[in-house]
Amino acid sequence: SSEEFRRSLRVGDILYSSWGWEQTNIDFYQVIAIRGCTVRLRQLDPRITEDGYMCGTTVPIPDAFKGKAQSHRITKNYIRIDSCRTAWKWDGQPCRCSWYG
């Protein structure tokens, strides 16, 4: 439920979003504040390890912020970033990613 998810979130937690069409983009976000049903996130720089042709794994670099903080409502057990990205709690394992050219 959204209430359980909200209670499980802590400042410093990392969320990830996997999205893309014909490629897999991974974005990481760090929780910098929680107020009620709203969470403030900042996107993190990733560390990518290429292990194949235009594919590999990625992990976040904690506290390596890029861009400004943005507020998002907590809905269900995820956070809607925008129309094509949904962020989930990251389990600490490298995420698969791919890209073109």
PDB file of N, CA and C in Angstrom:
ATOM      1  N   SER A   1       0.842  -1.193   0.000  1.00  0.00           N
ATOM      2  CA  SER A   1       0.000   0.000   0.000  1.00  0.00           C
ATOM      3  C   SER A   1       0.875   1.239   0.000  1.00  0.00           C
ATOM      4  N   SER A   2       0.291   2.373  -0.360  1.00  0.00           N
ATOM      5  CA  SER A   2       1.065   3.617  -0.402  1.00  0.00           C
ATOM      6  C   SER A   2       1.511   4.013   1.002  1.00  0.00           C
ATOM      7  N   GLU A   3       0.691   3.708   2.021  1.00  0.00           N
ATOM      8  CA  GLU A   3       1.054   4.055   3.398  1.00  0.00           C
ATOM      9  C   GLU A   3       2.270   3.242   3.857  1.00  0.00           C
ATOM     10  N   GLU A   4       2.282   1.936   3.577  1.00  0.00           N
ATOM     11  CA  GLU A   4       3.435   1.099   3.933  1.00  0.00           C
ATOM     12  C   GLU A   4       4.678   1.558   3.188  1.00  0.00           C
ATOM     13  N   PHE A   5       4.519   1.868   1.906  1.00  0.00           N
ATOM     14  CA  PHE A   5       5.653   2.325   1.099  1.00  0.00           C
ATOM     15  C   PHE A   5       6.202   3.634   1.667  1.00  0.00           C
ATOM     16  N   ARG A   6       5.303   4.573   1.996  1.00  0.00           N
ATOM     17  CA  ARG A   6       5.736   5.859   2.551  1.00  0.00           C
ATOM     18  C   ARG A   6       6.501   5.641   3.852  1.00  0.00           C
ATOM     19  N   ARG A   7       5.977   4.767   4.711  1.00  0.00           N
ATOM     20  CA  ARG A   7       6.648   4.500   5.990  1.00  0.00           C
ATOM     21  C   ARG A   7       8.000   3.830   5.791  1.00  0.00           C
ATOM     22  N   SER A   8       8.169   3.087   4.695  1.00  0.00           N
ATOM     23  CA  SER A   8       9.429   2.381   4.453  1.00  0.00           C
ATOM     24  C   SER A   8      10.511   3.308   3.894  1.00  0.00           C
ATOM     25  N   LEU A   9      10.097   4.470   3.358  1.00  0.00           N
ATOM     26  CA  LEU A   9      11.073   5.383   2.752  1.00  0.00           C
ATOM     27  C   LEU A   9      11.846   6.141   3.814  1.00  0.00           C
ATOM     28  N   ARG A  10      13.149   6.323   3.559  1.00  0.00           N
ATOM     29  CA  ARG A  10      14.025   7.086   4.445  1.00  0.00           C
ATOM     30  C   ARG A  10      14.826   8.064   3.612  1.00  0.00           C
ATOM     31  N   VAL A  11      15.163   9.203   4.203  1.00  0.00           N
ATOM     32  CA  VAL A  11      16.071  10.129   3.537  1.00  0.00           C
ATOM     33  C   VAL A  11      17.363   9.372   3.262  1.00  0.00           C
ATOM     34  N   GLY A  12      17.872   9.482   2.051  1.00  0.00           N
ATOM     35  CA  GLY A  12      19.073   8.758   1.649  1.00  0.00           C
ATOM     36  C   GLY A  12      18.776   7.518   0.826  1.00  0.00           C
ATOM     37  N   ASP A  13      17.515   7.015   0.883  1.00  0.00           N
ATOM     38  CA  ASP A  13      17.154   5.855   0.067  1.00  0.00           C
ATOM     39  C   ASP A  13      17.330   6.187  -1.410  1.00  0.00           C
ATOM     40  N   ILE A  14      17.601   5.161  -2.197  1.00  0.00           N
ATOM     41  CA  ILE A  14      17.770   5.332  -3.635  1.00  0.00           C
ATOM     42  C   ILE A  14      16.648   4.598  -4.356  1.00  0.00           C
ATOM     43  N   LEU A  15      16.071   5.292  -5.342  1.00  0.00           N
ATOM     44  CA  LEU A  15      15.026   4.735  -6.190  1.00  0.00           C
ATOM     45  C   LEU A  15      15.583   4.626  -7.606  1.00  0.00           C
ATOM     46  N   TYR A  16      14.983   3.747  -8.402  1.00  0.00           N
ATOM     47  CA  TYR A  16      15.408   3.641  -9.797  1.00  0.00           C
ATOM     48  C   TYR A  16      14.200   3.638 -10.712  1.00  0.00           C
ATOM     49  N   SER A  17      14.424   4.076 -11.935  1.00  0.00           N
ATOM     50  CA  SER A  17      13.401   4.052 -12.963  1.00  0.00           C
ATOM     51  C   SER A  17      14.006   3.434 -14.212  1.00  0.00           C
ATOM     52  N   SER A  18      13.330   2.430 -14.761  1.00  0.00           N
ATOM     53  CA  SER A  18      13.759   1.780 -15.996  1.00  0.00           C
ATOM     54  C   SER A  18      12.762   2.151 -17.077  1.00  0.00           C
ATOM     55  N   TRP A  19      13.243   2.727 -18.188  1.00  0.00           N
ATOM     56  CA  TRP A  19      12.323   3.197 -19.221  1.00  0.00           C
ATOM     57  C   TRP A  19      13.052   3.230 -20.558  1.00  0.00           C
ATOM     58  N   GLY A  20      12.314   3.397 -21.618  1.00  0.00           N
ATOM     59  CA  GLY A  20      12.907   3.553 -22.939  1.00  0.00           C
ATOM     60  C   GLY A  20      12.187   2.732 -23.984  1.00  0.00           C
ATOM     61  N   TRP A  21      12.429   3.081 -25.217  1.00  0.00           N
ATOM     62  CA  TRP A  21      11.838   2.405 -26.355  1.00  0.00           C
ATOM     63  C   TRP A  21      13.000   1.883 -27.175  1.00  0.00           C
ATOM     64  N   GLU A  22      13.116   0.564 -27.312  1.00  0.00           N
ATOM     65  CA  GLU A  22      14.197  -0.101 -28.035  1.00  0.00           C
ATOM     66  C   GLU A  22      15.556   0.045 -27.353  1.00  0.00           C
ATOM     67  N   GLN A  23      15.580   0.608 -26.172  1.00  0.00           N
ATOM     68  CA  GLN A  23      16.789   0.625 -25.351  1.00  0.00           C
ATOM     69  C   GLN A  23      16.317   0.739 -23.915  1.00  0.00           C
ATOM     70  N   THR A  24      17.180   0.397 -22.982  1.00  0.00           N
ATOM     71  CA  THR A  24      16.793   0.423 -21.574  1.00  0.00           C
ATOM     72  C   THR A  24      17.580   1.505 -20.859  1.00  0.00           C
ATOM     73  N   ASN A  25      16.892   2.586 -20.514  1.00  0.00           N
ATOM     74  CA  ASN A  25      17.490   3.675 -19.751  1.00  0.00           C
ATOM     75  C   ASN A  25      17.203   3.431 -18.274  1.00  0.00           C
ATOM     76  N   ILE A  26      18.182   3.677 -17.442  1.00  0.00           N
ATOM     77  CA  ILE A  26      17.999   3.581 -16.000  1.00  0.00           C
ATOM     78  C   ILE A  26      18.344   4.934 -15.395  1.00  0.00           C
ATOM     79  N   ASP A  27      17.413   5.495 -14.634  1.00  0.00           N
ATOM     80  CA  ASP A  27      17.660   6.725 -13.890  1.00  0.00           C
ATOM     81  C   ASP A  27      17.604   6.385 -12.406  1.00  0.00           C
ATOM     82  N   PHE A  28      18.510   6.980 -11.642  1.00  0.00           N
ATOM     83  CA  PHE A  28      18.520   6.787 -10.198  1.00  0.00           C
ATOM     84  C   PHE A  28      18.190   8.107  -9.507  1.00  0.00           C
ATOM     85  N   TYR A  29      17.493   8.016  -8.375  1.00  0.00           N
ATOM     86  CA  TYR A  29      17.096   9.187  -7.596  1.00  0.00           C
ATOM     87  C   TYR A  29      17.370   8.914  -6.129  1.00  0.00           C
ATOM     88  N   GLN A  30      17.771   9.942  -5.416  1.00  0.00           N
ATOM     89  CA  GLN A  30      17.998   9.808  -3.975  1.00  0.00           C
ATOM     90  C   GLN A  30      16.943  10.630  -3.249  1.00  0.00           C
ATOM     91  N   VAL A  31      16.375  10.041  -2.194  1.00  0.00           N
ATOM     92  CA  VAL A  31      15.373  10.728  -1.373  1.00  0.00           C
ATOM     93  C   VAL A  31      16.110  11.756  -0.507  1.00  0.00           C
ATOM     94  N   ILE A  32      15.713  13.036  -0.639  1.00  0.00           N
ATOM     95  CA  ILE A  32      16.370  14.065   0.177  1.00  0.00           C
ATOM     96  C   ILE A  32      15.427  14.654   1.229  1.00  0.00           C
ATOM     97  N   ALA A  33      14.127  14.410   1.095  1.00  0.00           N
ATOM     98  CA  ALA A  33      13.174  14.870   2.112  1.00  0.00           C
ATOM     99  C   ALA A  33      11.858  14.127   1.916  1.00  0.00           C
ATOM    100  N   ILE A  34      11.135  13.944   3.015  1.00  0.00           N
ATOM    101  CA  ILE A  34       9.809  13.324   2.975  1.00  0.00           C
ATOM    102  C   ILE A  34       8.899  14.181   3.840  1.00  0.00           C
ATOM    103  N   ARG A  35       7.771  14.586   3.279  1.00  0.00           N
ATOM    104  CA  ARG A  35       6.792  15.363   4.040  1.00  0.00           C
ATOM    105  C   ARG A  35       5.408  14.873   3.658  1.00  0.00           C
ATOM    106  N   GLY A  36       4.749  14.202   4.602  1.00  0.00           N
ATOM    107  CA  GLY A  36       3.409  13.675   4.320  1.00  0.00           C
ATOM    108  C   GLY A  36       3.461  12.683   3.173  1.00  0.00           C
ATOM    109  N   CYS A  37       2.648  12.930   2.153  1.00  0.00           N
ATOM    110  CA  CYS A  37       2.589  12.041   0.987  1.00  0.00           C
ATOM    111  C   CYS A  37       3.482  12.525  -0.146  1.00  0.00           C
ATOM    112  N   THR A  38       4.400  13.422   0.161  1.00  0.00           N
ATOM    113  CA  THR A  38       5.279  13.978  -0.855  1.00  0.00           C
ATOM    114  C   THR A  38       6.727  13.645  -0.527  1.00  0.00           C
ATOM    115  N   VAL A  39       7.472  13.300  -1.563  1.00  0.00           N
ATOM    116  CA  VAL A  39       8.891  13.007  -1.403  1.00  0.00           C
ATOM    117  C   VAL A  39       9.671  13.933  -2.335  1.00  0.00           C
ATOM    118  N   ARG A  40      10.805  14.440  -1.836  1.00  0.00           N
ATOM    119  CA  ARG A  40      11.691  15.249  -2.681  1.00  0.00           C
ATOM    120  C   ARG A  40      12.852  14.370  -3.108  1.00  0.00           C
ATOM    121  N   LEU A  41      13.080  14.343  -4.433  1.00  0.00           N
ATOM    122  CA  LEU A  41      14.108  13.501  -5.016  1.00  0.00           C
ATOM    123  C   LEU A  41      15.096  14.350  -5.800  1.00  0.00           C
ATOM    124  N   ARG A  42      16.342  13.879  -5.838  1.00  0.00           N
ATOM    125  CA  ARG A  42      17.327  14.445  -6.755  1.00  0.00           C
ATOM    126  C   ARG A  42      17.915  13.305  -7.557  1.00  0.00           C
ATOM    127  N   GLN A  43      18.058  13.540  -8.859  1.00  0.00           N
ATOM    128  CA  GLN A  43      18.630  12.519  -9.727  1.00  0.00           C
ATOM    129  C   GLN A  43      20.120  12.365  -9.422  1.00  0.00           C
ATOM    130  N   LEU A  44      20.604  11.131  -9.581  1.00  0.00           N
ATOM    131  CA  LEU A  44      22.001  10.801  -9.308  1.00  0.00           C
ATOM    132  C   LEU A  44      22.746  10.464 -10.596  1.00  0.00           C
ATOM    133  N   ASP A  45      24.031  10.756 -10.608  1.00  0.00           N
ATOM    134  CA  ASP A  45      24.880  10.279 -11.696  1.00  0.00           C
ATOM    135  C   ASP A  45      25.034   8.771 -11.564  1.00  0.00           C
ATOM    136  N   PRO A  46      25.025   8.057 -12.706  1.00  0.00           N
ATOM    137  CA  PRO A  46      25.218   6.612 -12.669  1.00  0.00           C
ATOM    138  C   PRO A  46      26.672   6.231 -12.964  1.00  0.00           C
ATOM    139  N   ARG A  47      27.038   5.038 -12.555  1.00  0.00           N
ATOM    140  CA  ARG A  47      28.309   4.439 -12.984  1.00  0.00           C
ATOM    141  C   ARG A  47      27.922   3.253 -13.866  1.00  0.00           C
ATOM    142  N   ILE A  48      28.329   3.297 -15.143  1.00  0.00           N
ATOM    143  CA  ILE A  48      27.947   2.267 -16.110  1.00  0.00           C
ATOM    144  C   ILE A  48      29.151   1.389 -16.419  1.00  0.00           C
ATOM    145  N   THR A  49      28.939   0.083 -16.408  1.00  0.00           N
ATOM    146  CA  THR A  49      29.961  -0.890 -16.771  1.00  0.00           C
ATOM    147  C   THR A  49      29.497  -1.607 -18.032  1.00  0.00           C
ATOM    148  N   GLU A  50      30.174  -1.358 -19.145  1.00  0.00           N
ATOM    149  CA  GLU A  50      29.799  -2.000 -20.408  1.00  0.00           C
ATOM    150  C   GLU A  50      30.277  -3.445 -20.377  1.00  0.00           C
ATOM    151  N   ASP A  51      29.371  -4.386 -20.680  1.00  0.00           N
ATOM    152  CA  ASP A  51      29.769  -5.800 -20.681  1.00  0.00           C
ATOM    153  C   ASP A  51      29.339  -6.523 -21.954  1.00  0.00           C
ATOM    154  N   GLY A  52      28.904  -5.747 -22.942  1.00  0.00           N
ATOM    155  CA  GLY A  52      28.495  -6.306 -24.224  1.00  0.00           C
ATOM    156  C   GLY A  52      28.401  -5.178 -25.224  1.00  0.00           C
ATOM    157  N   TYR A  53      27.871  -5.481 -26.393  1.00  0.00           N
ATOM    158  CA  TYR A  53      27.738  -4.454 -27.426  1.00  0.00           C
ATOM    159  C   TYR A  53      26.621  -3.482 -27.054  1.00  0.00           C
ATOM    160  N   MET A  54      26.990  -2.259 -26.687  1.00  0.00           N
ATOM    161  CA  MET A  54      26.054  -1.201 -26.305  1.00  0.00           C
ATOM    162  C   MET A  54      25.089  -1.653 -25.199  1.00  0.00           C
ATOM    163  N   CYS A  55      25.615  -2.434 -24.245  1.00  0.00           N
ATOM    164  CA  CYS A  55      24.805  -2.830 -23.103  1.00  0.00           C
ATOM    165  C   CYS A  55      25.723  -3.067 -21.915  1.00  0.00           C
ATOM    166  N   GLY A  56      25.135  -3.099 -20.745  1.00  0.00           N
ATOM    167  CA  GLY A  56      25.922  -3.318 -19.550  1.00  0.00           C
ATOM    168  C   GLY A  56      25.067  -3.206 -18.313  1.00  0.00           C
ATOM    169  N   THR A  57      25.727  -2.844 -17.214  1.00  0.00           N
ATOM    170  CA  THR A  57      25.020  -2.670 -15.951  1.00  0.00           C
ATOM    171  C   THR A  57      25.314  -1.274 -15.427  1.00  0.00           C
ATOM    172  N   THR A  58      24.436  -0.802 -14.571  1.00  0.00           N
ATOM    173  CA  THR A  58      24.609   0.524 -14.004  1.00  0.00           C
ATOM    174  C   THR A  58      24.231   0.508 -12.526  1.00  0.00           C
ATOM    175  N   VAL A  59      24.940   1.315 -11.761  1.00  0.00           N
ATOM    176  CA  VAL A  59      24.635   1.532 -10.346  1.00  0.00           C
ATOM    177  C   VAL A  59      24.700   3.031 -10.095  1.00  0.00           C
ATOM    178  N   PRO A  60      24.000   3.517  -9.075  1.00  0.00           N
ATOM    179  CA  PRO A  60      24.041   4.938  -8.770  1.00  0.00           C
ATOM    180  C   PRO A  60      25.302   5.305  -7.991  1.00  0.00           C
ATOM    181  N   ILE A  61      25.688   6.569  -8.093  1.00  0.00           N
ATOM    182  CA  ILE A  61      26.751   7.107  -7.253  1.00  0.00           C
ATOM    183  C   ILE A  61      26.051   7.956  -6.188  1.00  0.00           C
ATOM    184  N   PRO A  62      25.924   7.444  -4.945  1.00  0.00           N
ATOM    185  CA  PRO A  62      25.200   8.186  -3.905  1.00  0.00           C
ATOM    186  C   PRO A  62      25.780   9.584  -3.707  1.00  0.00           C
ATOM    187  N   ASP A  63      24.898  10.543  -3.527  1.00  0.00           N
ATOM    188  CA  ASP A  63      25.234  11.945  -3.277  1.00  0.00           C
ATOM    189  C   ASP A  63      25.868  12.648  -4.477  1.00  0.00           C
ATOM    190  N   ALA A  64      25.977  11.977  -5.635  1.00  0.00           N
ATOM    191  CA  ALA A  64      26.490  12.630  -6.857  1.00  0.00           C
ATOM    192  C   ALA A  64      25.284  13.183  -7.611  1.00  0.00           C
ATOM    193  N   PHE A  65      24.759  14.296  -7.095  1.00  0.00           N
ATOM    194  CA  PHE A  65      23.499  14.843  -7.609  1.00  0.00           C
ATOM    195  C   PHE A  65      23.685  15.554  -8.936  1.00  0.00           C
ATOM    196  N   LYS A  66      22.640  15.476  -9.761  1.00  0.00           N
ATOM    197  CA  LYS A  66      22.581  16.297 -10.966  1.00  0.00           C
ATOM    198  C   LYS A  66      21.174  16.873 -11.055  1.00  0.00           C
ATOM    199  N   GLY A  67      21.084  18.096 -11.497  1.00  0.00           N
ATOM    200  CA  GLY A  67      19.782  18.740 -11.594  1.00  0.00           C
ATOM    201  C   GLY A  67      19.269  19.198 -10.235  1.00  0.00           C
ATOM    202  N   LYS A  68      18.081  19.771 -10.271  1.00  0.00           N
ATOM    203  CA  LYS A  68      17.453  20.304  -9.058  1.00  0.00           C
ATOM    204  C   LYS A  68      16.576  19.245  -8.401  1.00  0.00           C
ATOM    205  N   ALA A  69      16.317  19.464  -7.123  1.00  0.00           N
ATOM    206  CA  ALA A  69      15.381  18.592  -6.402  1.00  0.00           C
ATOM    207  C   ALA A  69      13.971  18.808  -6.942  1.00  0.00           C
ATOM    208  N   GLN A  70      13.195  17.729  -6.992  1.00  0.00           N
ATOM    209  CA  GLN A  70      11.809  17.825  -7.427  1.00  0.00           C
ATOM    210  C   GLN A  70      10.920  17.057  -6.462  1.00  0.00           C
ATOM    211  N   SER A  71       9.738  17.599  -6.240  1.00  0.00           N
ATOM    212  CA  SER A  71       8.775  16.952  -5.342  1.00  0.00           C
ATOM    213  C   SER A  71       7.836  16.064  -6.153  1.00  0.00           C
ATOM    214  N   HIS A  72       7.511  14.912  -5.578  1.00  0.00           N
ATOM    215  CA  HIS A  72       6.614  13.955  -6.222  1.00  0.00           C
ATOM    216  C   HIS A  72       5.696  13.371  -5.171  1.00  0.00           C
ATOM    217  N   ARG A  73       4.454  13.099  -5.581  1.00  0.00           N
ATOM    218  CA  ARG A  73       3.513  12.438  -4.680  1.00  0.00           C
ATOM    219  C   ARG A  73       3.824  10.949  -4.628  1.00  0.00           C
ATOM    220  N   ILE A  74       3.636  10.373  -3.449  1.00  0.00           N
ATOM    221  CA  ILE A  74       3.799   8.937  -3.281  1.00  0.00           C
ATOM    222  C   ILE A  74       2.470   8.286  -3.642  1.00  0.00           C
ATOM    223  N   THR A  75       2.502   7.408  -4.655  1.00  0.00           N
ATOM    224  CA  THR A  75       1.291   6.701  -5.072  1.00  0.00           C
ATOM    225  C   THR A  75       1.588   5.213  -5.086  1.00  0.00           C
ATOM    226  N   LYS A  76       0.728   4.445  -4.464  1.00  0.00           N
ATOM    227  CA  LYS A  76       0.891   2.992  -4.384  1.00  0.00           C
ATOM    228  C   LYS A  76       2.265   2.674  -3.803  1.00  0.00           C
ATOM    229  N   ASN A  77       3.009   1.753  -4.442  1.00  0.00           N
ATOM    230  CA  ASN A  77       4.331   1.397  -3.915  1.00  0.00           C
ATOM    231  C   ASN A  77       5.441   1.884  -4.847  1.00  0.00           C
ATOM    232  N   TYR A  78       5.161   3.004  -5.513  1.00  0.00           N
ATOM    233  CA  TYR A  78       6.138   3.610  -6.407  1.00  0.00           C
ATOM    234  C   TYR A  78       5.904   5.112  -6.458  1.00  0.00           C
ATOM    235  N   ILE A  79       6.781   5.801  -7.178  1.00  0.00           N
ATOM    236  CA  ILE A  79       6.646   7.247  -7.344  1.00  0.00           C
ATOM    237  C   ILE A  79       6.643   7.553  -8.834  1.00  0.00           C
ATOM    238  N   ARG A  80       5.630   8.267  -9.288  1.00  0.00           N
ATOM    239  CA  ARG A  80       5.525   8.656 -10.691  1.00  0.00           C
ATOM    240  C   ARG A  80       6.429   9.873 -10.908  1.00  0.00           C
ATOM    241  N   ILE A  81       7.460   9.708 -11.755  1.00  0.00           N
ATOM    242  CA  ILE A  81       8.375  10.804 -12.055  1.00  0.00           C
ATOM    243  C   ILE A  81       7.772  11.704 -13.127  1.00  0.00           C
ATOM    244  N   ASP A  82       7.319  11.099 -14.223  1.00  0.00           N
ATOM    245  CA  ASP A  82       6.644  11.822 -15.305  1.00  0.00           C
ATOM    246  C   ASP A  82       5.854  10.808 -16.115  1.00  0.00           C
ATOM    247  N   SER A  83       5.415  11.180 -17.312  1.00  0.00           N
ATOM    248  CA  SER A  83       4.517  10.304 -18.075  1.00  0.00           C
ATOM    249  C   SER A  83       5.173   8.992 -18.507  1.00  0.00           C
ATOM    250  N   CYS A  84       6.506   8.944 -18.574  1.00  0.00           N
ATOM    251  CA  CYS A  84       7.135   7.692 -19.026  1.00  0.00           C
ATOM    252  C   CYS A  84       8.045   7.061 -17.975  1.00  0.00           C
ATOM    253  N   ARG A  85       8.149   7.669 -16.790  1.00  0.00           N
ATOM    254  CA  ARG A  85       9.053   7.116 -15.775  1.00  0.00           C
ATOM    255  C   ARG A  85       8.347   6.920 -14.439  1.00  0.00           C
ATOM    256  N   THR A  86       8.528   5.736 -13.895  1.00  0.00           N
ATOM    257  CA  THR A  86       8.033   5.365 -12.575  1.00  0.00           C
ATOM    258  C   THR A  86       9.226   4.894 -11.766  1.00  0.00           C
ATOM    259  N   ALA A  87       9.375   5.392 -10.540  1.00  0.00           N
ATOM    260  CA  ALA A  87      10.534   5.032  -9.716  1.00  0.00           C
ATOM    261  C   ALA A  87      10.126   4.062  -8.608  1.00  0.00           C
ATOM    262  N   TRP A  88      10.978   3.044  -8.419  1.00  0.00           N
ATOM    263  CA  TRP A  88      10.786   2.007  -7.420  1.00  0.00           C
ATOM    264  C   TRP A  88      11.988   2.007  -6.504  1.00  0.00           C
ATOM    265  N   LYS A  89      11.847   1.415  -5.320  1.00  0.00           N
ATOM    266  CA  LYS A  89      12.995   1.295  -4.420  1.00  0.00           C
ATOM    267  C   LYS A  89      14.046   0.395  -5.056  1.00  0.00           C
ATOM    268  N   TRP A  90      15.277   0.864  -5.015  1.00  0.00           N
ATOM    269  CA  TRP A  90      16.396   0.106  -5.583  1.00  0.00           C
ATOM    270  C   TRP A  90      16.847  -0.938  -4.579  1.00  0.00           C
ATOM    271  N   ASP A  91      17.106  -2.177  -5.064  1.00  0.00           N
ATOM    272  CA  ASP A  91      17.479  -3.275  -4.174  1.00  0.00           C
ATOM    273  C   ASP A  91      18.989  -3.400  -3.981  1.00  0.00           C
ATOM    274  N   GLY A  92      19.754  -2.478  -4.555  1.00  0.00           N
ATOM    275  CA  GLY A  92      21.195  -2.508  -4.377  1.00  0.00           C
ATOM    276  C   GLY A  92      21.939  -3.322  -5.422  1.00  0.00           C
ATOM    277  N   GLN A  93      21.196  -3.999  -6.302  1.00  0.00           N
ATOM    278  CA  GLN A  93      21.828  -4.799  -7.348  1.00  0.00           C
ATOM    279  C   GLN A  93      22.000  -3.965  -8.617  1.00  0.00           C
ATOM    280  N   PRO A  94      23.102  -4.197  -9.383  1.00  0.00           N
ATOM    281  CA  PRO A  94      23.266  -3.472 -10.648  1.00  0.00           C
ATOM    282  C   PRO A  94      22.067  -3.703 -11.566  1.00  0.00           C
ATOM    283  N   CYS A  95      21.670  -2.674 -12.289  1.00  0.00           N
ATOM    284  CA  CYS A  95      20.537  -2.757 -13.225  1.00  0.00           C
ATOM    285  C   CYS A  95      21.082  -2.894 -14.647  1.00  0.00           C
ATOM    286  N   ARG A  96      20.397  -3.701 -15.447  1.00  0.00           N
ATOM    287  CA  ARG A  96      20.770  -3.841 -16.861  1.00  0.00           C
ATOM    288  C   ARG A  96      20.391  -2.578 -17.614  1.00  0.00           C
ATOM    289  N   CYS A  97      21.238  -2.160 -18.558  1.00  0.00           N
ATOM    290  CA  CYS A  97      20.923  -1.003 -19.387  1.00  0.00           C
ATOM    291  C   CYS A  97      21.468  -1.242 -20.791  1.00  0.00           C
ATOM    292  N   SER A  98      20.942  -0.489 -21.750  1.00  0.00           N
ATOM    293  CA  SER A  98      21.427  -0.583 -23.123  1.00  0.00           C
ATOM    294  C   SER A  98      21.233   0.769 -23.782  1.00  0.00           C
ATOM    295  N   TRP A  99      21.934   0.960 -24.899  1.00  0.00           N
ATOM    296  CA  TRP A  99      21.875   2.255 -25.572  1.00  0.00           C
ATOM    297  C   TRP A  99      22.209   2.058 -27.052  1.00  0.00           C
ATOM    298  N   TYR A 100      21.976   3.104 -27.821  1.00  0.00           N
ATOM    299  CA  TYR A 100      22.307   3.117 -29.236  1.00  0.00           C
ATOM    300  C   TYR A 100      23.279   4.238 -29.512  1.00  0.00           C
ATOM    301  N   GLY A 101      24.310   3.906 -30.304  1.00  0.00           N
ATOM    302  CA  GLY A 101      25.296   4.853 -30.816  1.00  0.00           C
ATOM    303  C   GLY A 101      25.739   5.862 -29.841  1.00  0.00           C
TER     304      GLY A 101
END
